[in-house]
Amino acid sequence: MTTSNPAAASRFAVTNQFVSSDFLALASHMNDCQRSRGRFFALRATLETLHAMASPRIVTTGALFVFCGLGLLVLV
């Protein structure tokens, strides 16, 4: 003889909703990760590295570019 327990059935429905939403969030995250590793990933990573190195020293970096530009003008 089986008896149905509505409270237990509703608990499983809530659990299934959580699992379903977690699965959708994971799928969305995996798609974002796959997109972020596209054909321009190496370029983007290099630019982020250069930005991280240059941004704290923006005045020094600007002066270095000006100095190198003037040096190239003198050589040519």
PDB file of N, CA and C in Angstrom:
ATOM      1  N   MET A   1       0.839  -1.168   0.000  1.00  0.00           N
ATOM      2  CA  MET A   1       0.000   0.000   0.000  1.00  0.00           C
ATOM      3  C   MET A   1       0.888   1.235   0.000  1.00  0.00           C
ATOM      4  N   THR A   2       0.669   2.086  -0.973  1.00  0.00           N
ATOM      5  CA  THR A   2       1.470   3.302  -1.054  1.00  0.00           C
ATOM      6  C   THR A   2       0.624   4.490  -0.653  1.00  0.00           C
ATOM      7  N   THR A   3       1.218   5.340   0.103  1.00  0.00           N
ATOM      8  CA  THR A   3       0.540   6.575   0.488  1.00  0.00           C
ATOM      9  C   THR A   3       1.339   7.727  -0.092  1.00  0.00           C
ATOM     10  N   SER A   4       0.649   8.691  -0.601  1.00  0.00           N
ATOM     11  CA  SER A   4       1.361   9.847  -1.159  1.00  0.00           C
ATOM     12  C   SER A   4       1.495  10.910  -0.080  1.00  0.00           C
ATOM     13  N   ASN A   5       2.643  11.477  -0.022  1.00  0.00           N
ATOM     14  CA  ASN A   5       2.931  12.522   0.942  1.00  0.00           C
ATOM     15  C   ASN A   5       3.148  13.815   0.159  1.00  0.00           C
ATOM     16  N   PRO A   6       2.173  14.737   0.205  1.00  0.00           N
ATOM     17  CA  PRO A   6       2.304  15.961  -0.591  1.00  0.00           C
ATOM     18  C   PRO A   6       3.504  16.820  -0.172  1.00  0.00           C
ATOM     19  N   ALA A   7       3.853  16.795   1.103  1.00  0.00           N
ATOM     20  CA  ALA A   7       4.991  17.602   1.558  1.00  0.00           C
ATOM     21  C   ALA A   7       6.291  17.090   0.955  1.00  0.00           C
ATOM     22  N   ALA A   8       6.446  15.776   0.917  1.00  0.00           N
ATOM     23  CA  ALA A   8       7.659  15.193   0.332  1.00  0.00           C
ATOM     24  C   ALA A   8       7.705  15.457  -1.167  1.00  0.00           C
ATOM     25  N   ALA A   9       6.575  15.357  -1.835  1.00  0.00           N
ATOM     26  CA  ALA A   9       6.539  15.608  -3.275  1.00  0.00           C
ATOM     27  C   ALA A   9       6.897  17.059  -3.579  1.00  0.00           C
ATOM     28  N   SER A  10       6.401  17.984  -2.765  1.00  0.00           N
ATOM     29  CA  SER A  10       6.718  19.388  -3.018  1.00  0.00           C
ATOM     30  C   SER A  10       8.187  19.682  -2.720  1.00  0.00           C
ATOM     31  N   ARG A  11       8.780  18.983  -1.724  1.00  0.00           N
ATOM     32  CA  ARG A  11      10.209  19.161  -1.444  1.00  0.00           C
ATOM     33  C   ARG A  11      11.049  18.741  -2.640  1.00  0.00           C
ATOM     34  N   PHE A  12      10.668  17.625  -3.266  1.00  0.00           N
ATOM     35  CA  PHE A  12      11.414  17.168  -4.439  1.00  0.00           C
ATOM     36  C   PHE A  12      11.254  18.147  -5.598  1.00  0.00           C
ATOM     37  N   ALA A  13      10.091  18.745  -5.726  1.00  0.00           N
ATOM     38  CA  ALA A  13       9.881  19.721  -6.797  1.00  0.00           C
ATOM     39  C   ALA A  13      10.788  20.929  -6.586  1.00  0.00           C
ATOM     40  N   VAL A  14      10.905  21.389  -5.344  1.00  0.00           N
ATOM     41  CA  VAL A  14      11.784  22.521  -5.048  1.00  0.00           C
ATOM     42  C   VAL A  14      13.228  22.137  -5.306  1.00  0.00           C
ATOM     43  N   THR A  15      13.615  20.932  -4.900  1.00  0.00           N
ATOM     44  CA  THR A  15      14.977  20.461  -5.144  1.00  0.00           C
ATOM     45  C   THR A  15      15.247  20.389  -6.639  1.00  0.00           C
ATOM     46  N   ASN A  16      14.282  19.897  -7.408  1.00  0.00           N
ATOM     47  CA  ASN A  16      14.452  19.826  -8.860  1.00  0.00           C
ATOM     48  C   ASN A  16      14.594  21.215  -9.463  1.00  0.00           C
ATOM     49  N   GLN A  17      13.870  22.189  -8.923  1.00  0.00           N
ATOM     50  CA  GLN A  17      14.003  23.558  -9.418  1.00  0.00           C
ATOM     51  C   GLN A  17      15.406  24.088  -9.142  1.00  0.00           C
ATOM     52  N   PHE A  18      15.938  23.815  -7.936  1.00  0.00           N
ATOM     53  CA  PHE A  18      17.287  24.268  -7.612  1.00  0.00           C
ATOM     54  C   PHE A  18      18.314  23.598  -8.517  1.00  0.00           C
ATOM     55  N   VAL A  19      18.169  22.304  -8.725  1.00  0.00           N
ATOM     56  CA  VAL A  19      19.105  21.577  -9.589  1.00  0.00           C
ATOM     57  C   VAL A  19      19.012  22.111 -11.008  1.00  0.00           C
ATOM     58  N   SER A  20      17.799  22.350 -11.475  1.00  0.00           N
ATOM     59  CA  SER A  20      17.612  22.863 -12.826  1.00  0.00           C
ATOM     60  C   SER A  20      18.237  24.247 -12.969  1.00  0.00           C
ATOM     61  N   SER A  21      18.017  25.125 -11.988  1.00  0.00           N
ATOM     62  CA  SER A  21      18.592  26.467 -12.081  1.00  0.00           C
ATOM     63  C   SER A  21      20.109  26.419 -11.947  1.00  0.00           C
ATOM     64  N   ASP A  22      20.634  25.522 -11.100  1.00  0.00           N
ATOM     65  CA  ASP A  22      22.084  25.367 -10.996  1.00  0.00           C
ATOM     66  C   ASP A  22      22.670  24.858 -12.304  1.00  0.00           C
ATOM     67  N   PHE A  23      21.968  23.922 -12.934  1.00  0.00           N
ATOM     68  CA  PHE A  23      22.436  23.384 -14.209  1.00  0.00           C
ATOM     69  C   PHE A  23      22.449  24.473 -15.273  1.00  0.00           C
ATOM     70  N   LEU A  24      21.413  25.297 -15.307  1.00  0.00           N
ATOM     71  CA  LEU A  24      21.367  26.379 -16.286  1.00  0.00           C
ATOM     72  C   LEU A  24      22.462  27.403 -16.028  1.00  0.00           C
ATOM     73  N   ALA A  25      22.719  27.702 -14.762  1.00  0.00           N
ATOM     74  CA  ALA A  25      23.798  28.636 -14.432  1.00  0.00           C
ATOM     75  C   ALA A  25      25.151  28.070 -14.834  1.00  0.00           C
ATOM     76  N   LEU A  26      25.358  26.781 -14.602  1.00  0.00           N
ATOM     77  CA  LEU A  26      26.611  26.141 -14.997  1.00  0.00           C
ATOM     78  C   LEU A  26      26.761  26.141 -16.516  1.00  0.00           C
ATOM     79  N   ALA A  27      25.690  25.848 -17.224  1.00  0.00           N
ATOM     80  CA  ALA A  27      25.745  25.854 -18.685  1.00  0.00           C
ATOM     81  C   ALA A  27      26.061  27.250 -19.210  1.00  0.00           C
ATOM     82  N   SER A  28      25.456  28.261 -18.614  1.00  0.00           N
ATOM     83  CA  SER A  28      25.740  29.636 -19.017  1.00  0.00           C
ATOM     84  C   SER A  28      27.198  29.991 -18.751  1.00  0.00           C
ATOM     85  N   HIS A  29      27.703  29.589 -17.597  1.00  0.00           N
ATOM     86  CA  HIS A  29      29.104  29.854 -17.248  1.00  0.00           C
ATOM     87  C   HIS A  29      30.051  29.153 -18.219  1.00  0.00           C
ATOM     88  N   MET A  30      29.750  27.918 -18.559  1.00  0.00           N
ATOM     89  CA  MET A  30      30.607  27.177 -19.486  1.00  0.00           C
ATOM     90  C   MET A  30      30.601  27.830 -20.872  1.00  0.00           C
ATOM     91  N   ASN A  31      29.453  28.324 -21.305  1.00  0.00           N
ATOM     92  CA  ASN A  31      29.397  29.030 -22.588  1.00  0.00           C
ATOM     93  C   ASN A  31      30.219  30.309 -22.548  1.00  0.00           C
ATOM     94  N   ASP A  32      30.146  31.041 -21.440  1.00  0.00           N
ATOM     95  CA  ASP A  32      30.955  32.256 -21.296  1.00  0.00           C
ATOM     96  C   ASP A  32      32.440  31.932 -21.328  1.00  0.00           C
ATOM     97  N   CYS A  33      32.836  30.868 -20.653  1.00  0.00           N
ATOM     98  CA  CYS A  33      34.251  30.467 -20.645  1.00  0.00           C
ATOM     99  C   CYS A  33      34.710  30.067 -22.039  1.00  0.00           C
ATOM    100  N   GLN A  34      33.872  29.341 -22.749  1.00  0.00           N
ATOM    101  CA  GLN A  34      34.241  28.907 -24.094  1.00  0.00           C
ATOM    102  C   GLN A  34      34.365  30.111 -25.024  1.00  0.00           C
ATOM    103  N   ARG A  35      33.456  31.067 -24.895  1.00  0.00           N
ATOM    104  CA  ARG A  35      33.526  32.265 -25.719  1.00  0.00           C
ATOM    105  C   ARG A  35      34.756  33.098 -25.397  1.00  0.00           C
ATOM    106  N   SER A  36      35.136  33.137 -24.116  1.00  0.00           N
ATOM    107  CA  SER A  36      36.276  33.960 -23.724  1.00  0.00           C
ATOM    108  C   SER A  36      37.594  33.389 -24.215  1.00  0.00           C
ATOM    109  N   ARG A  37      37.605  32.142 -24.608  1.00  0.00           N
ATOM    110  CA  ARG A  37      38.828  31.525 -25.133  1.00  0.00           C
ATOM    111  C   ARG A  37      38.760  31.402 -26.652  1.00  0.00           C
ATOM    112  N   GLY A  38      38.199  32.413 -27.282  1.00  0.00           N
ATOM    113  CA  GLY A  38      38.076  32.414 -28.739  1.00  0.00           C
ATOM    114  C   GLY A  38      39.404  32.698 -29.418  1.00  0.00           C
ATOM    115  N   ARG A  39      39.317  33.109 -30.670  1.00  0.00           N
ATOM    116  CA  ARG A  39      40.533  33.277 -31.465  1.00  0.00           C
ATOM    117  C   ARG A  39      41.351  34.483 -31.047  1.00  0.00           C
ATOM    118  N   PHE A  40      40.758  35.443 -30.351  1.00  0.00           N
ATOM    119  CA  PHE A  40      41.500  36.617 -29.906  1.00  0.00           C
ATOM    120  C   PHE A  40      41.898  36.532 -28.440  1.00  0.00           C
ATOM    121  N   PHE A  41      41.853  35.333 -27.862  1.00  0.00           N
ATOM    122  CA  PHE A  41      42.170  35.185 -26.440  1.00  0.00           C
ATOM    123  C   PHE A  41      43.604  35.598 -26.144  1.00  0.00           C
ATOM    124  N   ALA A  42      44.566  35.181 -26.970  1.00  0.00           N
ATOM    125  CA  ALA A  42      45.980  35.508 -26.726  1.00  0.00           C
ATOM    126  C   ALA A  42      46.200  37.012 -26.815  1.00  0.00           C
ATOM    127  N   LEU A  43      45.581  37.656 -27.786  1.00  0.00           N
ATOM    128  CA  LEU A  43      45.708  39.108 -27.917  1.00  0.00           C
ATOM    129  C   LEU A  43      45.112  39.817 -26.709  1.00  0.00           C
ATOM    130  N   ARG A  44      43.922  39.384 -26.283  1.00  0.00           N
ATOM    131  CA  ARG A  44      43.266  39.997 -25.128  1.00  0.00           C
ATOM    132  C   ARG A  44      44.099  39.813 -23.864  1.00  0.00           C
ATOM    133  N   ALA A  45      44.664  38.628 -23.683  1.00  0.00           N
ATOM    134  CA  ALA A  45      45.491  38.363 -22.502  1.00  0.00           C
ATOM    135  C   ALA A  45      46.751  39.218 -22.522  1.00  0.00           C
ATOM    136  N   THR A  46      47.360  39.383 -23.686  1.00  0.00           N
ATOM    137  CA  THR A  46      48.557  40.216 -23.804  1.00  0.00           C
ATOM    138  C   THR A  46      48.232  41.672 -23.506  1.00  0.00           C
ATOM    139  N   LEU A  47      47.128  42.166 -24.044  1.00  0.00           N
ATOM    140  CA  LEU A  47      46.735  43.550 -23.783  1.00  0.00           C
ATOM    141  C   LEU A  47      46.415  43.778 -22.311  1.00  0.00           C
ATOM    142  N   GLU A  48      45.771  42.811 -21.665  1.00  0.00           N
ATOM    143  CA  GLU A  48      45.494  42.940 -20.232  1.00  0.00           C
ATOM    144  C   GLU A  48      46.786  42.973 -19.427  1.00  0.00           C
ATOM    145  N   THR A  49      47.775  42.169 -19.823  1.00  0.00           N
ATOM    146  CA  THR A  49      49.064  42.160 -19.132  1.00  0.00           C
ATOM    147  C   THR A  49      49.774  43.493 -19.309  1.00  0.00           C
ATOM    148  N   LEU A  50      49.785  44.015 -20.539  1.00  0.00           N
ATOM    149  CA  LEU A  50      50.415  45.316 -20.783  1.00  0.00           C
ATOM    150  C   LEU A  50      49.712  46.423 -20.008  1.00  0.00           C
ATOM    151  N   HIS A  51      48.394  46.361 -19.959  1.00  0.00           N
ATOM    152  CA  HIS A  51      47.638  47.364 -19.209  1.00  0.00           C
ATOM    153  C   HIS A  51      47.961  47.295 -17.724  1.00  0.00           C
ATOM    154  N   ALA A  52      48.076  46.081 -17.198  1.00  0.00           N
ATOM    155  CA  ALA A  52      48.396  45.917 -15.774  1.00  0.00           C
ATOM    156  C   ALA A  52      49.796  46.436 -15.458  1.00  0.00           C
ATOM    157  N   MET A  53      50.713  46.300 -16.410  1.00  0.00           N
ATOM    158  CA  MET A  53      52.072  46.787 -16.177  1.00  0.00           C
ATOM    159  C   MET A  53      52.166  48.299 -16.356  1.00  0.00           C
ATOM    160  N   ALA A  54      51.440  48.863 -17.322  1.00  0.00           N
ATOM    161  CA  ALA A  54      51.596  50.272 -17.664  1.00  0.00           C
ATOM    162  C   ALA A  54      50.728  51.202 -16.826  1.00  0.00           C
ATOM    163  N   SER A  55      49.566  50.774 -16.406  1.00  0.00           N
ATOM    164  CA  SER A  55      48.646  51.695 -15.739  1.00  0.00           C
ATOM    165  C   SER A  55      49.164  52.265 -14.421  1.00  0.00           C
ATOM    166  N   PRO A  56      49.879  51.513 -13.578  1.00  0.00           N
ATOM    167  CA  PRO A  56      50.390  52.148 -12.362  1.00  0.00           C
ATOM    168  C   PRO A  56      51.495  53.167 -12.647  1.00  0.00           C
ATOM    169  N   ARG A  57      52.113  53.070 -13.806  1.00  0.00           N
ATOM    170  CA  ARG A  57      53.229  53.952 -14.150  1.00  0.00           C
ATOM    171  C   ARG A  57      52.885  54.767 -15.392  1.00  0.00           C
ATOM    172  N   ILE A  58      51.702  55.363 -15.431  1.00  0.00           N
ATOM    173  CA  ILE A  58      51.222  56.003 -16.652  1.00  0.00           C
ATOM    174  C   ILE A  58      52.094  57.184 -17.063  1.00  0.00           C
ATOM    175  N   VAL A  59      52.565  57.984 -16.131  1.00  0.00           N
ATOM    176  CA  VAL A  59      53.406  59.136 -16.470  1.00  0.00           C
ATOM    177  C   VAL A  59      54.757  58.659 -16.986  1.00  0.00           C
ATOM    178  N   THR A  60      55.340  57.688 -16.310  1.00  0.00           N
ATOM    179  CA  THR A  60      56.628  57.144 -16.741  1.00  0.00           C
ATOM    180  C   THR A  60      56.499  56.484 -18.109  1.00  0.00           C
ATOM    181  N   THR A  61      55.409  55.758 -18.319  1.00  0.00           N
ATOM    182  CA  THR A  61      55.193  55.103 -19.608  1.00  0.00           C
ATOM    183  C   THR A  61      55.039  56.141 -20.717  1.00  0.00           C
ATOM    184  N   GLY A  62      54.282  57.193 -20.462  1.00  0.00           N
ATOM    185  CA  GLY A  62      54.128  58.264 -21.458  1.00  0.00           C
ATOM    186  C   GLY A  62      55.447  58.934 -21.773  1.00  0.00           C
ATOM    187  N   ALA A  63      56.238  59.220 -20.739  1.00  0.00           N
ATOM    188  CA  ALA A  63      57.548  59.836 -20.957  1.00  0.00           C
ATOM    189  C   ALA A  63      58.457  58.903 -21.750  1.00  0.00           C
ATOM    190  N   LEU A  64      58.384  57.614 -21.476  1.00  0.00           N
ATOM    191  CA  LEU A  64      59.196  56.641 -22.206  1.00  0.00           C
ATOM    192  C   LEU A  64      58.810  56.603 -23.683  1.00  0.00           C
ATOM    193  N   PHE A  65      57.514  56.652 -23.979  1.00  0.00           N
ATOM    194  CA  PHE A  65      57.076  56.681 -25.377  1.00  0.00           C
ATOM    195  C   PHE A  65      57.553  57.949 -26.081  1.00  0.00           C
ATOM    196  N   VAL A  66      57.450  59.079 -25.416  1.00  0.00           N
ATOM    197  CA  VAL A  66      57.917  60.338 -26.008  1.00  0.00           C
ATOM    198  C   VAL A  66      59.417  60.276 -26.248  1.00  0.00           C
ATOM    199  N   PHE A  67      60.164  59.801 -25.277  1.00  0.00           N
ATOM    200  CA  PHE A  67      61.616  59.695 -25.398  1.00  0.00           C
ATOM    201  C   PHE A  67      62.001  58.765 -26.551  1.00  0.00           C
ATOM    202  N   CYS A  68      61.337  57.617 -26.645  1.00  0.00           N
ATOM    203  CA  CYS A  68      61.630  56.676 -27.740  1.00  0.00           C
ATOM    204  C   CYS A  68      61.250  57.281 -29.093  1.00  0.00           C
ATOM    205  N   GLY A  69      60.138  57.996 -29.142  1.00  0.00           N
ATOM    206  CA  GLY A  69      59.731  58.649 -30.390  1.00  0.00           C
ATOM    207  C   GLY A  69      60.727  59.698 -30.827  1.00  0.00           C
ATOM    208  N   LEU A  70      61.196  60.504 -29.885  1.00  0.00           N
ATOM    209  CA  LEU A  70      62.212  61.508 -30.213  1.00  0.00           C
ATOM    210  C   LEU A  70      63.513  60.846 -30.643  1.00  0.00           C
ATOM    211  N   GLY A  71      63.868  59.756 -29.991  1.00  0.00           N
ATOM    212  CA  GLY A  71      65.077  59.024 -30.372  1.00  0.00           C
ATOM    213  C   GLY A  71      64.981  58.485 -31.789  1.00  0.00           C
ATOM    214  N   LEU A  72      63.806  57.985 -32.164  1.00  0.00           N
ATOM    215  CA  LEU A  72      63.625  57.497 -33.532  1.00  0.00           C
ATOM    216  C   LEU A  72      63.680  58.633 -34.545  1.00  0.00           C
ATOM    217  N   LEU A  73      63.152  59.800 -34.191  1.00  0.00           N
ATOM    218  CA  LEU A  73      63.217  60.947 -35.097  1.00  0.00           C
ATOM    219  C   LEU A  73      64.654  61.403 -35.306  1.00  0.00           C
ATOM    220  N   VAL A  74      65.450  61.349 -34.261  1.00  0.00           N
ATOM    221  CA  VAL A  74      66.852  61.751 -34.366  1.00  0.00           C
ATOM    222  C   VAL A  74      67.613  60.772 -35.257  1.00  0.00           C
ATOM    223  N   LEU A  75      67.303  59.488 -35.136  1.00  0.00           N
ATOM    224  CA  LEU A  75      68.000  58.482 -35.939  1.00  0.00           C
ATOM    225  C   LEU A  75      67.626  58.555 -37.417  1.00  0.00           C
ATOM    226  N   VAL A  76      66.420  58.958 -37.716  1.00  0.00           N
ATOM    227  CA  VAL A  76      65.959  58.993 -39.115  1.00  0.00           C
ATOM    228  C   VAL A  76      66.269  60.291 -39.692  1.00  0.00           C
TER     229      VAL A  76
END
